[in-house]
Amino acid sequence: GDYRLSDRYPLVLGSPWYTPSLLDEPGQGHCVRGELFTVDAE
């Protein structure tokens, strides 16, 4: 399903490939929205 982080983190685009990154800076930014999946260890 569609989920969001419970806490705020900054979401940015980084160079040189316009790659999205969630920065390890809790309490800043937004409660970023995304998708939740389940996977095995492999």
Full PDB file with SEQRES, HELIX, SHEET, SSBOND, CRYST1, ORIGX, SCALE, CONECT and MASTER records, all heavy atoms in Angstrom:
SEQRES   1 A   42  GLY ASP TYR ARG LEU SER ASP ARG TYR PRO LEU VAL LEU          
SEQRES   2 A   42  GLY SER PRO TRP TYR THR PRO SER LEU LEU ASP GLU PRO          
SEQRES   3 A   42  GLY GLN GLY HIS CYS VAL ARG GLY GLU LEU PHE THR VAL          
SEQRES   4 A   42  ASP ALA GLU                                                  
SHEET    1 AA1 2 ASP A   2  ARG A   4  0                                        
SHEET    2 AA1 2 ARG A  33  GLU A  35 -1                                        
SHEET    1 AA2 2 LEU A  11  GLY A  14  0                                        
SHEET    2 AA2 2 THR A  19  LEU A  22 -1                                        
CRYST1    1.000    1.000    1.000  90.00  90.00  90.00 P 1           1          
ORIGX1      1.000000  0.000000  0.000000        0.00000                         
ORIGX2      0.000000  1.000000  0.000000        0.00000                         
ORIGX3      0.000000  0.000000  1.000000        0.00000                         
SCALE1      1.000000  0.000000  0.000000        0.00000                         
SCALE2      0.000000  1.000000  0.000000        0.00000                         
SCALE3      0.000000  0.000000  1.000000        0.00000                         
ATOM      1  N   GLY A   1       0.802  -1.216   0.000  1.00  0.00           N  
ATOM      2  CA  GLY A   1       0.000   0.000   0.000  1.00  0.00           C  
ATOM      3  C   GLY A   1       0.834   1.264   0.000  1.00  0.00           C  
ATOM      4  O   GLY A   1       2.060   1.237   0.046  1.00  0.00           O  
ATOM      5  N   ASP A   2       0.106   2.385  -0.040  1.00  0.00           N  
ATOM      6  CA  ASP A   2       0.729   3.699   0.012  1.00  0.00           C  
ATOM      7  C   ASP A   2       0.905   4.096   1.471  1.00  0.00           C  
ATOM      8  O   ASP A   2      -0.051   4.077   2.251  1.00  0.00           O  
ATOM      9  CB  ASP A   2      -0.125   4.729  -0.719  1.00  0.00           C  
ATOM     10  CG  ASP A   2      -0.178   4.475  -2.216  1.00  0.00           C  
ATOM     11  OD1 ASP A   2       0.804   3.946  -2.768  1.00  0.00           O  
ATOM     12  OD2 ASP A   2      -1.200   4.811  -2.831  1.00  0.00           O  
ATOM     13  N   TYR A   3       2.120   4.486   1.814  1.00  0.00           N  
ATOM     14  CA  TYR A   3       2.474   4.811   3.195  1.00  0.00           C  
ATOM     15  C   TYR A   3       3.242   6.121   3.220  1.00  0.00           C  
ATOM     16  O   TYR A   3       3.620   6.651   2.181  1.00  0.00           O  
ATOM     17  CB  TYR A   3       3.341   3.703   3.802  1.00  0.00           C  
ATOM     18  CG  TYR A   3       2.548   2.527   4.312  1.00  0.00           C  
ATOM     19  CD1 TYR A   3       1.874   1.683   3.443  1.00  0.00           C  
ATOM     20  CD2 TYR A   3       2.480   2.264   5.678  1.00  0.00           C  
ATOM     21  CE1 TYR A   3       1.147   0.608   3.919  1.00  0.00           C  
ATOM     22  CE2 TYR A   3       1.755   1.180   6.161  1.00  0.00           C  
ATOM     23  CZ  TYR A   3       1.093   0.363   5.278  1.00  0.00           C  
ATOM     24  OH  TYR A   3       0.368  -0.693   5.754  1.00  0.00           O  
ATOM     25  N   ARG A   4       3.470   6.618   4.404  1.00  0.00           N  
ATOM     26  CA  ARG A   4       4.349   7.764   4.618  1.00  0.00           C  
ATOM     27  C   ARG A   4       5.194   7.490   5.846  1.00  0.00           C  
ATOM     28  O   ARG A   4       4.815   6.705   6.717  1.00  0.00           O  
ATOM     29  CB  ARG A   4       3.570   9.061   4.761  1.00  0.00           C  
ATOM     30  CG  ARG A   4       2.817   9.171   6.056  1.00  0.00           C  
ATOM     31  CD  ARG A   4       2.198  10.557   6.217  1.00  0.00           C  
ATOM     32  NE  ARG A   4       1.147  10.468   7.195  1.00  0.00           N  
ATOM     33  CZ  ARG A   4      -0.132  10.658   6.957  1.00  0.00           C  
ATOM     34  NH1 ARG A   4      -0.535  10.983   5.752  1.00  0.00           N  
ATOM     35  NH2 ARG A   4      -1.023  10.536   7.905  1.00  0.00           N  
ATOM     36  N   LEU A   5       6.324   8.164   5.921  1.00  0.00           N  
ATOM     37  CA  LEU A   5       7.162   8.060   7.111  1.00  0.00           C  
ATOM     38  C   LEU A   5       6.441   8.692   8.290  1.00  0.00           C  
ATOM     39  O   LEU A   5       5.745   9.696   8.137  1.00  0.00           O  
ATOM     40  CB  LEU A   5       8.503   8.760   6.889  1.00  0.00           C  
ATOM     41  CG  LEU A   5       9.414   8.159   5.820  1.00  0.00           C  
ATOM     42  CD1 LEU A   5      10.647   9.035   5.633  1.00  0.00           C  
ATOM     43  CD2 LEU A   5       9.817   6.741   6.192  1.00  0.00           C  
ATOM     44  N   SER A   6       6.620   8.131   9.466  1.00  0.00           N  
ATOM     45  CA  SER A   6       5.997   8.684  10.667  1.00  0.00           C  
ATOM     46  C   SER A   6       6.677   9.968  11.118  1.00  0.00           C  
ATOM     47  O   SER A   6       6.060  10.800  11.783  1.00  0.00           O  
ATOM     48  CB  SER A   6       6.034   7.657  11.807  1.00  0.00           C  
ATOM     49  OG  SER A   6       5.323   6.504  11.445  1.00  0.00           O  
ATOM     50  N   ASP A   7       7.945  10.126  10.782  1.00  0.00           N  
ATOM     51  CA  ASP A   7       8.713  11.321  11.138  1.00  0.00           C  
ATOM     52  C   ASP A   7       9.145  12.065   9.884  1.00  0.00           C  
ATOM     53  O   ASP A   7       9.179  11.499   8.787  1.00  0.00           O  
ATOM     54  CB  ASP A   7       9.961  10.938  11.955  1.00  0.00           C  
ATOM     55  CG  ASP A   7       9.601  10.346  13.307  1.00  0.00           C  
ATOM     56  OD1 ASP A   7       8.697  10.888  13.976  1.00  0.00           O  
ATOM     57  OD2 ASP A   7      10.210   9.330  13.689  1.00  0.00           O  
ATOM     58  N   ARG A   8       9.525  13.307  10.058  1.00  0.00           N  
ATOM     59  CA  ARG A   8       9.947  14.151   8.934  1.00  0.00           C  
ATOM     60  C   ARG A   8      11.419  13.908   8.601  1.00  0.00           C  
ATOM     61  O   ARG A   8      12.250  13.779   9.503  1.00  0.00           O  
ATOM     62  CB  ARG A   8       9.733  15.626   9.269  1.00  0.00           C  
ATOM     63  CG  ARG A   8       8.271  15.974   9.435  1.00  0.00           C  
ATOM     64  CD  ARG A   8       8.046  17.447   9.787  1.00  0.00           C  
ATOM     65  NE  ARG A   8       8.676  17.763  11.060  1.00  0.00           N  
ATOM     66  CZ  ARG A   8       9.468  18.809  11.268  1.00  0.00           C  
ATOM     67  NH1 ARG A   8       9.732  19.659  10.296  1.00  0.00           N  
ATOM     68  NH2 ARG A   8      10.007  19.021  12.456  1.00  0.00           N  
ATOM     69  N   TYR A   9      11.692  13.848   7.292  1.00  0.00           N  
ATOM     70  CA  TYR A   9      13.049  13.734   6.761  1.00  0.00           C  
ATOM     71  C   TYR A   9      13.119  14.546   5.473  1.00  0.00           C  
ATOM     72  O   TYR A   9      12.144  14.595   4.717  1.00  0.00           O  
ATOM     73  CB  TYR A   9      13.404  12.274   6.433  1.00  0.00           C  
ATOM     74  CG  TYR A   9      13.685  11.428   7.641  1.00  0.00           C  
ATOM     75  CD1 TYR A   9      12.653  10.858   8.370  1.00  0.00           C  
ATOM     76  CD2 TYR A   9      14.986  11.209   8.070  1.00  0.00           C  
ATOM     77  CE1 TYR A   9      12.907  10.088   9.500  1.00  0.00           C  
ATOM     78  CE2 TYR A   9      15.254  10.447   9.199  1.00  0.00           C  
ATOM     79  CZ  TYR A   9      14.209   9.891   9.900  1.00  0.00           C  
ATOM     80  OH  TYR A   9      14.474   9.135  11.017  1.00  0.00           O  
ATOM     81  N   PRO A  10      14.277  15.151   5.164  1.00  0.00           N  
ATOM     82  CA  PRO A  10      14.409  15.870   3.898  1.00  0.00           C  
ATOM     83  C   PRO A  10      14.536  14.895   2.717  1.00  0.00           C  
ATOM     84  O   PRO A  10      15.270  13.913   2.794  1.00  0.00           O  
ATOM     85  CB  PRO A  10      15.708  16.668   4.053  1.00  0.00           C  
ATOM     86  CG  PRO A  10      16.094  16.562   5.488  1.00  0.00           C  
ATOM     87  CD  PRO A  10      15.425  15.340   6.032  1.00  0.00           C  
ATOM     88  N   LEU A  11      13.832  15.203   1.653  1.00  0.00           N  
ATOM     89  CA  LEU A  11      13.900  14.458   0.398  1.00  0.00           C  
ATOM     90  C   LEU A  11      14.498  15.396  -0.644  1.00  0.00           C  
ATOM     91  O   LEU A  11      13.968  16.490  -0.868  1.00  0.00           O  
ATOM     92  CB  LEU A  11      12.511  13.990  -0.023  1.00  0.00           C  
ATOM     93  CG  LEU A  11      12.396  13.216  -1.332  1.00  0.00           C  
ATOM     94  CD1 LEU A  11      13.196  11.916  -1.278  1.00  0.00           C  
ATOM     95  CD2 LEU A  11      10.927  12.926  -1.642  1.00  0.00           C  
ATOM     96  N   VAL A  12      15.599  14.979  -1.258  1.00  0.00           N  
ATOM     97  CA  VAL A  12      16.314  15.850  -2.193  1.00  0.00           C  
ATOM     98  C   VAL A  12      16.667  15.108  -3.476  1.00  0.00           C  
ATOM     99  O   VAL A  12      16.678  13.874  -3.507  1.00  0.00           O  
ATOM    100  CB  VAL A  12      17.612  16.411  -1.553  1.00  0.00           C  
ATOM    101  CG1 VAL A  12      17.300  17.201  -0.285  1.00  0.00           C  
ATOM    102  CG2 VAL A  12      18.614  15.300  -1.264  1.00  0.00           C  
ATOM    103  N   LEU A  13      16.980  15.881  -4.503  1.00  0.00           N  
ATOM    104  CA  LEU A  13      17.576  15.346  -5.728  1.00  0.00           C  
ATOM    105  C   LEU A  13      19.050  15.687  -5.694  1.00  0.00           C  
ATOM    106  O   LEU A  13      19.421  16.841  -5.480  1.00  0.00           O  
ATOM    107  CB  LEU A  13      16.945  15.974  -6.978  1.00  0.00           C  
ATOM    108  CG  LEU A  13      15.504  15.622  -7.273  1.00  0.00           C  
ATOM    109  CD1 LEU A  13      15.055  16.328  -8.548  1.00  0.00           C  
ATOM    110  CD2 LEU A  13      15.319  14.133  -7.393  1.00  0.00           C  
ATOM    111  N   GLY A  14      19.885  14.663  -5.888  1.00  0.00           N  
ATOM    112  CA  GLY A  14      21.325  14.874  -5.862  1.00  0.00           C  
ATOM    113  C   GLY A  14      21.951  14.713  -7.227  1.00  0.00           C  
ATOM    114  O   GLY A  14      21.432  14.006  -8.084  1.00  0.00           O  
ATOM    115  N   SER A  15      23.071  15.379  -7.417  1.00  0.00           N  
ATOM    116  CA  SER A  15      23.798  15.277  -8.672  1.00  0.00           C  
ATOM    117  C   SER A  15      24.694  14.038  -8.633  1.00  0.00           C  
ATOM    118  O   SER A  15      24.947  13.497  -7.560  1.00  0.00           O  
ATOM    119  CB  SER A  15      24.643  16.535  -8.897  1.00  0.00           C  
ATOM    120  OG  SER A  15      25.692  16.588  -7.948  1.00  0.00           O  
ATOM    121  N   PRO A  16      25.152  13.606  -9.774  1.00  0.00           N  
ATOM    122  CA  PRO A  16      24.956  14.190 -11.091  1.00  0.00           C  
ATOM    123  C   PRO A  16      23.792  13.593 -11.878  1.00  0.00           C  
ATOM    124  O   PRO A  16      23.554  13.992 -13.006  1.00  0.00           O  
ATOM    125  CB  PRO A  16      26.285  13.881 -11.785  1.00  0.00           C  
ATOM    126  CG  PRO A  16      26.710  12.570 -11.204  1.00  0.00           C  
ATOM    127  CD  PRO A  16      26.217  12.594  -9.772  1.00  0.00           C  
ATOM    128  N   TRP A  17      23.034  12.648 -11.292  1.00  0.00           N  
ATOM    129  CA  TRP A  17      22.017  11.919 -12.064  1.00  0.00           C  
ATOM    130  C   TRP A  17      20.589  12.236 -11.644  1.00  0.00           C  
ATOM    131  O   TRP A  17      19.674  11.506 -11.996  1.00  0.00           O  
ATOM    132  CB  TRP A  17      22.271  10.412 -11.962  1.00  0.00           C  
ATOM    133  CG  TRP A  17      23.625  10.036 -12.458  1.00  0.00           C  
ATOM    134  CD1 TRP A  17      24.087  10.153 -13.739  1.00  0.00           C  
ATOM    135  CD2 TRP A  17      24.705   9.523 -11.694  1.00  0.00           C  
ATOM    136  NE1 TRP A  17      25.392   9.723 -13.813  1.00  0.00           N  
ATOM    137  CE2 TRP A  17      25.802   9.326 -12.560  1.00  0.00           C  
ATOM    138  CE3 TRP A  17      24.869   9.179 -10.354  1.00  0.00           C  
ATOM    139  CZ2 TRP A  17      27.023   8.826 -12.146  1.00  0.00           C  
ATOM    140  CZ3 TRP A  17      26.083   8.684  -9.939  1.00  0.00           C  
ATOM    141  CH2 TRP A  17      27.142   8.513 -10.832  1.00  0.00           C  
ATOM    142  N   TYR A  18      20.379  13.292 -10.867  1.00  0.00           N  
ATOM    143  CA  TYR A  18      19.048  13.656 -10.370  1.00  0.00           C  
ATOM    144  C   TYR A  18      18.428  12.504  -9.578  1.00  0.00           C  
ATOM    145  O   TYR A  18      17.279  12.156  -9.729  1.00  0.00           O  
ATOM    146  CB  TYR A  18      18.131  14.092 -11.510  1.00  0.00           C  
ATOM    147  CG  TYR A  18      18.521  15.440 -12.060  1.00  0.00           C  
ATOM    148  CD1 TYR A  18      19.456  15.547 -13.074  1.00  0.00           C  
ATOM    149  CD2 TYR A  18      17.972  16.605 -11.537  1.00  0.00           C  
ATOM    150  CE1 TYR A  18      19.841  16.778 -13.578  1.00  0.00           C  
ATOM    151  CE2 TYR A  18      18.349  17.842 -12.028  1.00  0.00           C  
ATOM    152  CZ  TYR A  18      19.283  17.918 -13.047  1.00  0.00           C  
ATOM    153  OH  TYR A  18      19.656  19.139 -13.525  1.00  0.00           O  
ATOM    154  N   THR A  19      19.241  11.921  -8.726  1.00  0.00           N  
ATOM    155  CA  THR A  19      18.837  10.785  -7.915  1.00  0.00           C  
ATOM    156  C   THR A  19      18.128  11.252  -6.648  1.00  0.00           C  
ATOM    157  O   THR A  19      18.655  12.089  -5.924  1.00  0.00           O  
ATOM    158  CB  THR A  19      20.075   9.957  -7.525  1.00  0.00           C  
ATOM    159  OG1 THR A  19      20.763   9.581  -8.710  1.00  0.00           O  
ATOM    160  CG2 THR A  19      19.680   8.709  -6.762  1.00  0.00           C  
ATOM    161  N   PRO A  20      16.939  10.700  -6.360  1.00  0.00           N  
ATOM    162  CA  PRO A  20      16.272  11.064  -5.114  1.00  0.00           C  
ATOM    163  C   PRO A  20      16.970  10.420  -3.916  1.00  0.00           C  
ATOM    164  O   PRO A  20      17.384   9.267  -3.977  1.00  0.00           O  
ATOM    165  CB  PRO A  20      14.862  10.519  -5.286  1.00  0.00           C  
ATOM    166  CG  PRO A  20      15.003   9.398  -6.250  1.00  0.00           C  
ATOM    167  CD  PRO A  20      16.145   9.766  -7.154  1.00  0.00           C  
ATOM    168  N   SER A  21      17.112  11.192  -2.862  1.00  0.00           N  
ATOM    169  CA  SER A  21      17.735  10.695  -1.636  1.00  0.00           C  
ATOM    170  C   SER A  21      16.978  11.234  -0.430  1.00  0.00           C  
ATOM    171  O   SER A  21      16.632  12.413  -0.383  1.00  0.00           O  
ATOM    172  CB  SER A  21      19.195  11.139  -1.539  1.00  0.00           C  
ATOM    173  OG  SER A  21      19.975  10.570  -2.557  1.00  0.00           O  
ATOM    174  N   LEU A  22      16.779  10.361   0.522  1.00  0.00           N  
ATOM    175  CA  LEU A  22      16.229  10.745   1.814  1.00  0.00           C  
ATOM    176  C   LEU A  22      17.428  10.970   2.726  1.00  0.00           C  
ATOM    177  O   LEU A  22      18.257  10.077   2.880  1.00  0.00           O  
ATOM    178  CB  LEU A  22      15.349   9.611   2.345  1.00  0.00           C  
ATOM    179  CG  LEU A  22      14.466   9.910   3.535  1.00  0.00           C  
ATOM    180  CD1 LEU A  22      13.390  10.925   3.172  1.00  0.00           C  
ATOM    181  CD2 LEU A  22      13.825   8.620   4.019  1.00  0.00           C  
ATOM    182  N   LEU A  23      17.544  12.168   3.274  1.00  0.00           N  
ATOM    183  CA  LEU A  23      18.701  12.491   4.099  1.00  0.00           C  
ATOM    184  C   LEU A  23      18.480  12.067   5.542  1.00  0.00           C  
ATOM    185  O   LEU A  23      17.374  12.198   6.081  1.00  0.00           O  
ATOM    186  CB  LEU A  23      18.996  13.989   4.042  1.00  0.00           C  
ATOM    187  CG  LEU A  23      19.342  14.541   2.665  1.00  0.00           C  
ATOM    188  CD1 LEU A  23      19.638  16.039   2.753  1.00  0.00           C  
ATOM    189  CD2 LEU A  23      20.523  13.803   2.054  1.00  0.00           C  
ATOM    190  N   ASP A  24      19.518  11.593   6.175  1.00  0.00           N  
ATOM    191  CA  ASP A  24      19.453  11.153   7.565  1.00  0.00           C  
ATOM    192  C   ASP A  24      19.483  12.371   8.491  1.00  0.00           C  
ATOM    193  O   ASP A  24      20.453  12.615   9.196  1.00  0.00           O  
ATOM    194  CB  ASP A  24      20.601  10.193   7.881  1.00  0.00           C  
ATOM    195  CG  ASP A  24      20.443   9.536   9.241  1.00  0.00           C  
ATOM    196  OD1 ASP A  24      19.373   9.673   9.855  1.00  0.00           O  
ATOM    197  OD2 ASP A  24      21.401   8.885   9.691  1.00  0.00           O  
ATOM    198  N   GLU A  25      18.396  13.120   8.444  1.00  0.00           N  
ATOM    199  CA  GLU A  25      18.238  14.326   9.256  1.00  0.00           C  
ATOM    200  C   GLU A  25      16.823  14.343   9.827  1.00  0.00           C  
ATOM    201  O   GLU A  25      15.966  15.116   9.393  1.00  0.00           O  
ATOM    202  CB  GLU A  25      18.535  15.573   8.425  1.00  0.00           C  
ATOM    203  CG  GLU A  25      19.960  15.585   7.891  1.00  0.00           C  
ATOM    204  CD  GLU A  25      20.247  16.722   6.917  1.00  0.00           C  
ATOM    205  OE1 GLU A  25      19.367  17.577   6.660  1.00  0.00           O  
ATOM    206  OE2 GLU A  25      21.388  16.748   6.411  1.00  0.00           O  
ATOM    207  N   PRO A  26      16.534  13.460  10.806  1.00  0.00           N  
ATOM    208  CA  PRO A  26      15.185  13.369  11.346  1.00  0.00           C  
ATOM    209  C   PRO A  26      14.723  14.694  11.945  1.00  0.00           C  
ATOM    210  O   PRO A  26      15.513  15.454  12.491  1.00  0.00           O  
ATOM    211  CB  PRO A  26      15.289  12.282  12.410  1.00  0.00           C  
ATOM    212  CG  PRO A  26      16.739  12.059  12.656  1.00  0.00           C  
ATOM    213  CD  PRO A  26      17.475  12.572  11.465  1.00  0.00           C  
ATOM    214  N   GLY A  27      13.420  14.953  11.783  1.00  0.00           N  
ATOM    215  CA  GLY A  27      12.824  16.164  12.318  1.00  0.00           C  
ATOM    216  C   GLY A  27      12.834  17.325  11.343  1.00  0.00           C  
ATOM    217  O   GLY A  27      12.233  18.359  11.605  1.00  0.00           O  
ATOM    218  N   GLN A  28      13.499  17.159  10.200  1.00  0.00           N  
ATOM    219  CA  GLN A  28      13.519  18.194   9.164  1.00  0.00           C  
ATOM    220  C   GLN A  28      12.753  17.674   7.958  1.00  0.00           C  
ATOM    221  O   GLN A  28      12.548  16.480   7.809  1.00  0.00           O  
ATOM    222  CB  GLN A  28      14.955  18.524   8.783  1.00  0.00           C  
ATOM    223  CG  GLN A  28      15.784  19.046   9.942  1.00  0.00           C  
ATOM    224  CD  GLN A  28      17.197  19.360   9.514  1.00  0.00           C  
ATOM    225  OE1 GLN A  28      17.430  19.900   8.432  1.00  0.00           O  
ATOM    226  NE2 GLN A  28      18.152  19.024  10.359  1.00  0.00           N  
ATOM    227  N   GLY A  29      12.340  18.570   7.084  1.00  0.00           N  
ATOM    228  CA  GLY A  29      11.673  18.140   5.862  1.00  0.00           C  
ATOM    229  C   GLY A  29      10.218  17.789   6.077  1.00  0.00           C  
ATOM    230  O   GLY A  29       9.495  18.496   6.769  1.00  0.00           O  
ATOM    231  N   HIS A  30       9.805  16.661   5.495  1.00  0.00           N  
ATOM    232  CA  HIS A  30       8.391  16.260   5.469  1.00  0.00           C  
ATOM    233  C   HIS A  30       8.252  14.789   5.841  1.00  0.00           C  
ATOM    234  O   HIS A  30       9.224  14.035   5.795  1.00  0.00           O  
ATOM    235  CB  HIS A  30       7.816  16.463   4.063  1.00  0.00           C  
ATOM    236  CG  HIS A  30       7.884  17.878   3.594  1.00  0.00           C  
ATOM    237  ND1 HIS A  30       6.931  18.804   3.908  1.00  0.00           N  
ATOM    238  CD2 HIS A  30       8.815  18.524   2.848  1.00  0.00           C  
ATOM    239  CE1 HIS A  30       7.256  19.959   3.380  1.00  0.00           C  
ATOM    240  NE2 HIS A  30       8.408  19.817   2.723  1.00  0.00           N  
ATOM    241  N   CYS A  31       7.038  14.386   6.135  1.00  0.00           N  
ATOM    242  CA  CYS A  31       6.709  12.961   6.292  1.00  0.00           C  
ATOM    243  C   CYS A  31       6.537  12.419   4.871  1.00  0.00           C  
ATOM    244  O   CYS A  31       5.449  12.473   4.295  1.00  0.00           O  
ATOM    245  CB  CYS A  31       5.447  12.770   7.130  1.00  0.00           C  
ATOM    246  SG  CYS A  31       5.656  13.266   8.854  1.00  0.00           S  
ATOM    247  N   VAL A  32       7.617  11.953   4.313  1.00  0.00           N  
ATOM    248  CA  VAL A  32       7.697  11.581   2.900  1.00  0.00           C  
ATOM    249  C   VAL A  32       6.766  10.423   2.597  1.00  0.00           C  
ATOM    250  O   VAL A  32       6.678   9.448   3.339  1.00  0.00           O  
ATOM    251  CB  VAL A  32       9.158  11.232   2.527  1.00  0.00           C  
ATOM    252  CG1 VAL A  32       9.261  10.681   1.117  1.00  0.00           C  
ATOM    253  CG2 VAL A  32      10.039  12.467   2.695  1.00  0.00           C  
ATOM    254  N   ARG A  33       6.052  10.551   1.467  1.00  0.00           N  
ATOM    255  CA  ARG A  33       5.138   9.505   0.996  1.00  0.00           C  
ATOM    256  C   ARG A  33       5.877   8.537   0.080  1.00  0.00           C  
ATOM    257  O   ARG A  33       6.781   8.921  -0.645  1.00  0.00           O  
ATOM    258  CB  ARG A  33       3.964  10.113   0.236  1.00  0.00           C  
ATOM    259  CG  ARG A  33       3.048  10.930   1.109  1.00  0.00           C  
ATOM    260  CD  ARG A  33       1.867  11.464   0.336  1.00  0.00           C  
ATOM    261  NE  ARG A  33       2.308  12.543  -0.555  1.00  0.00           N  
ATOM    262  CZ  ARG A  33       1.824  12.732  -1.779  1.00  0.00           C  
ATOM    263  NH1 ARG A  33       0.922  11.915  -2.286  1.00  0.00           N  
ATOM    264  NH2 ARG A  33       2.266  13.731  -2.512  1.00  0.00           N  
ATOM    265  N   GLY A  34       5.456   7.272   0.133  1.00  0.00           N  
ATOM    266  CA  GLY A  34       6.032   6.259  -0.730  1.00  0.00           C  
ATOM    267  C   GLY A  34       5.172   5.017  -0.717  1.00  0.00           C  
ATOM    268  O   GLY A  34       3.970   5.082  -0.435  1.00  0.00           O  
ATOM    269  N   GLU A  35       5.784   3.885  -1.008  1.00  0.00           N  
ATOM    270  CA  GLU A  35       5.065   2.617  -1.103  1.00  0.00           C  
ATOM    271  C   GLU A  35       5.748   1.578  -0.228  1.00  0.00           C  
ATOM    272  O   GLU A  35       6.965   1.562  -0.096  1.00  0.00           O  
ATOM    273  CB  GLU A  35       5.039   2.142  -2.554  1.00  0.00           C  
ATOM    274  CG  GLU A  35       4.327   3.116  -3.464  1.00  0.00           C  
ATOM    275  CD  GLU A  35       4.420   2.764  -4.934  1.00  0.00           C  
ATOM    276  OE1 GLU A  35       5.242   1.908  -5.321  1.00  0.00           O  
ATOM    277  OE2 GLU A  35       3.662   3.362  -5.703  1.00  0.00           O  
ATOM    278  N   LEU A  36       4.929   0.697   0.337  1.00  0.00           N  
ATOM    279  CA  LEU A  36       5.434  -0.353   1.208  1.00  0.00           C  
ATOM    280  C   LEU A  36       5.312  -1.696   0.505  1.00  0.00           C  
ATOM    281  O   LEU A  36       4.269  -2.014  -0.072  1.00  0.00           O  
ATOM    282  CB  LEU A  36       4.647  -0.361   2.525  1.00  0.00           C  
ATOM    283  CG  LEU A  36       5.236  -1.186   3.657  1.00  0.00           C  
ATOM    284  CD1 LEU A  36       6.561  -0.584   4.121  1.00  0.00           C  
ATOM    285  CD2 LEU A  36       4.258  -1.261   4.822  1.00  0.00           C  
ATOM    286  N   PHE A  37       6.401  -2.456   0.549  1.00  0.00           N  
ATOM    287  CA  PHE A  37       6.464  -3.783  -0.056  1.00  0.00           C  
ATOM    288  C   PHE A  37       6.982  -4.768   0.976  1.00  0.00           C  
ATOM    289  O   PHE A  37       7.585  -4.376   1.975  1.00  0.00           O  
ATOM    290  CB  PHE A  37       7.412  -3.789  -1.260  1.00  0.00           C  
ATOM    291  CG  PHE A  37       6.932  -2.974  -2.423  1.00  0.00           C  
ATOM    292  CD1 PHE A  37       7.202  -1.622  -2.496  1.00  0.00           C  
ATOM    293  CD2 PHE A  37       6.217  -3.569  -3.445  1.00  0.00           C  
ATOM    294  CE1 PHE A  37       6.770  -0.859  -3.571  1.00  0.00           C  
ATOM    295  CE2 PHE A  37       5.774  -2.819  -4.527  1.00  0.00           C  
ATOM    296  CZ  PHE A  37       6.052  -1.459  -4.587  1.00  0.00           C  
ATOM    297  N   THR A  38       6.789  -6.034   0.702  1.00  0.00           N  
ATOM    298  CA  THR A  38       7.388  -7.075   1.525  1.00  0.00           C  
ATOM    299  C   THR A  38       8.330  -7.895   0.654  1.00  0.00           C  
ATOM    300  O   THR A  38       8.022  -8.185  -0.511  1.00  0.00           O  
ATOM    301  CB  THR A  38       6.314  -7.960   2.206  1.00  0.00           C  
ATOM    302  OG1 THR A  38       6.953  -8.908   3.042  1.00  0.00           O  
ATOM    303  CG2 THR A  38       5.437  -8.672   1.218  1.00  0.00           C  
ATOM    304  N   VAL A  39       9.502  -8.215   1.213  1.00  0.00           N  
ATOM    305  CA  VAL A  39      10.517  -8.951   0.469  1.00  0.00           C  
ATOM    306  C   VAL A  39      11.130 -10.015   1.372  1.00  0.00           C  
ATOM    307  O   VAL A  39      11.055  -9.928   2.590  1.00  0.00           O  
ATOM    308  CB  VAL A  39      11.641  -8.020  -0.058  1.00  0.00           C  
ATOM    309  CG1 VAL A  39      11.082  -6.969  -1.003  1.00  0.00           C  
ATOM    310  CG2 VAL A  39      12.401  -7.365   1.075  1.00  0.00           C  
ATOM    311  N   ASP A  40      11.766 -11.022   0.749  1.00  0.00           N  
ATOM    312  CA  ASP A  40      12.494 -12.011   1.538  1.00  0.00           C  
ATOM    313  C   ASP A  40      13.938 -11.540   1.722  1.00  0.00           C  
ATOM    314  O   ASP A  40      14.342 -10.493   1.202  1.00  0.00           O  
ATOM    315  CB  ASP A  40      12.426 -13.398   0.889  1.00  0.00           C  
ATOM    316  CG  ASP A  40      13.028 -13.465  -0.501  1.00  0.00           C  
ATOM    317  OD1 ASP A  40      13.851 -12.588  -0.880  1.00  0.00           O  
ATOM    318  OD2 ASP A  40      12.698 -14.414  -1.226  1.00  0.00           O  
ATOM    319  N   ALA A  41      14.715 -12.299   2.469  1.00  0.00           N  
ATOM    320  CA  ALA A  41      16.092 -11.904   2.791  1.00  0.00           C  
ATOM    321  C   ALA A  41      16.950 -11.775   1.538  1.00  0.00           C  
ATOM    322  O   ALA A  41      17.781 -10.862   1.432  1.00  0.00           O  
ATOM    323  CB  ALA A  41      16.713 -12.901   3.770  1.00  0.00           C  
ATOM    324  N   GLU A  42      16.766 -12.657   0.574  1.00  0.00           N  
ATOM    325  CA  GLU A  42      17.548 -12.596  -0.662  1.00  0.00           C  
ATOM    326  C   GLU A  42      17.255 -11.320  -1.433  1.00  0.00           C  
ATOM    327  O   GLU A  42      18.158 -10.657  -1.944  1.00  0.00           O  
ATOM    328  CB  GLU A  42      17.247 -13.833  -1.525  1.00  0.00           C  
ATOM    329  CG  GLU A  42      18.057 -13.892  -2.791  1.00  0.00           C  
ATOM    330  CD  GLU A  42      17.772 -15.154  -3.601  1.00  0.00           C  
ATOM    331  OE1 GLU A  42      17.153 -16.096  -3.075  1.00  0.00           O  
ATOM    332  OE2 GLU A  42      18.189 -15.175  -4.760  1.00  0.00           O  
TER     333      GLU A  42                                                      
MASTER        0    0    0    0    4    0    0    6  332    1    0    4          
END                                                                             
